[in-house]
Amino acid sequence: MFSLSPLGVTLLAVTASLLFIHRRRRNARLLYPPGPKGYPVIGNVFDIPQDVPVWKAAMSMGENYSG
């Protein structure tokens, strides 16, 4: 039967968690499309013009920020 010492279990857990964190950070950079930086809670609310319909503003921002 195969058994691990407490030190072996700890090293295995630390290694697995470091790999998990590394993969999440690497993949997190790829999830968001290009665009303006937003504020922490309200995002980009102030970037939307108030004098045109929302769909026209979204089309304009899409043209500006498409890759």
Protein backbone atom coordinates (compact mmCIF):
# COMPACT_ATOMS: atom_id res chain seq x y z
CA MET A 1 0.00 0.00 0.00
CA PHE A 2 1.20 3.48 -0.83
CA SER A 3 1.21 6.02 2.01
CA LEU A 4 2.42 9.58 2.27
CA SER A 5 3.97 11.28 5.25
CA PRO A 6 2.42 14.50 6.52
CA LEU A 7 5.28 16.41 4.88
CA GLY A 8 4.55 14.70 1.56
CA VAL A 9 0.86 15.57 1.76
CA THR A 10 1.71 19.18 2.58
CA LEU A 11 4.14 19.47 -0.33
CA LEU A 12 1.60 17.91 -2.67
CA ALA A 13 -1.11 20.34 -1.54
CA VAL A 14 1.17 23.38 -1.88
CA THR A 15 2.33 22.31 -5.34
CA ALA A 16 -1.23 21.69 -6.53
CA SER A 17 -2.45 25.05 -5.21
CA LEU A 18 0.47 26.92 -6.82
CA LEU A 19 -0.26 25.28 -10.17
CA PHE A 20 -3.94 26.14 -9.82
CA ILE A 21 -3.18 29.80 -9.04
CA HIS A 22 -0.68 30.03 -11.90
CA ARG A 23 -3.19 28.66 -14.43
CA ARG A 24 -5.98 30.96 -13.23
CA ARG A 25 -3.78 34.04 -13.50
CA ARG A 26 -2.57 33.09 -16.96
CA ASN A 27 -6.12 32.42 -18.21
CA ALA A 28 -7.63 35.47 -16.48
CA ARG A 29 -5.66 37.80 -18.73
CA LEU A 30 -7.30 36.27 -21.79
CA LEU A 31 -10.94 36.46 -20.71
CA TYR A 32 -11.65 40.15 -21.18
CA PRO A 33 -11.99 41.92 -24.55
CA PRO A 34 -10.06 45.14 -25.14
CA GLY A 35 -11.68 48.29 -23.86
CA PRO A 36 -11.38 51.25 -21.54
CA LYS A 37 -10.41 50.75 -17.91
CA GLY A 38 -13.34 51.06 -15.53
CA TYR A 39 -13.81 52.20 -11.96
CA PRO A 40 -13.96 49.52 -9.23
CA VAL A 41 -17.68 49.44 -8.43
CA ILE A 42 -19.45 51.41 -11.15
CA GLY A 43 -17.39 50.24 -14.10
CA ASN A 44 -17.74 52.40 -17.21
CA VAL A 45 -21.02 54.14 -16.43
CA PHE A 46 -19.51 57.57 -17.09
CA ASP A 47 -18.22 56.50 -20.53
CA ILE A 48 -21.74 56.09 -21.95
CA PRO A 49 -22.93 59.31 -23.62
CA GLN A 50 -26.30 60.58 -22.41
CA ASP A 51 -27.32 62.43 -25.59
CA VAL A 52 -27.56 59.37 -27.90
CA PRO A 53 -29.45 56.08 -27.56
CA VAL A 54 -27.58 53.32 -25.73
CA TRP A 55 -27.39 51.07 -28.80
CA LYS A 56 -25.69 53.82 -30.84
CA ALA A 57 -23.19 54.44 -28.05
CA ALA A 58 -22.49 50.70 -27.85
CA MET A 59 -21.93 50.50 -31.60
CA SER A 60 -19.55 53.45 -31.46
CA MET A 61 -17.58 51.96 -28.56
CA GLY A 62 -17.49 48.60 -30.34
CA GLU A 63 -15.91 50.21 -33.40
CA ASN A 64 -13.36 52.05 -31.28
CA TYR A 65 -12.30 49.11 -29.13
CA SER A 66 -12.54 46.13 -31.50
CA GLY A 67 -9.22 44.36 -31.73
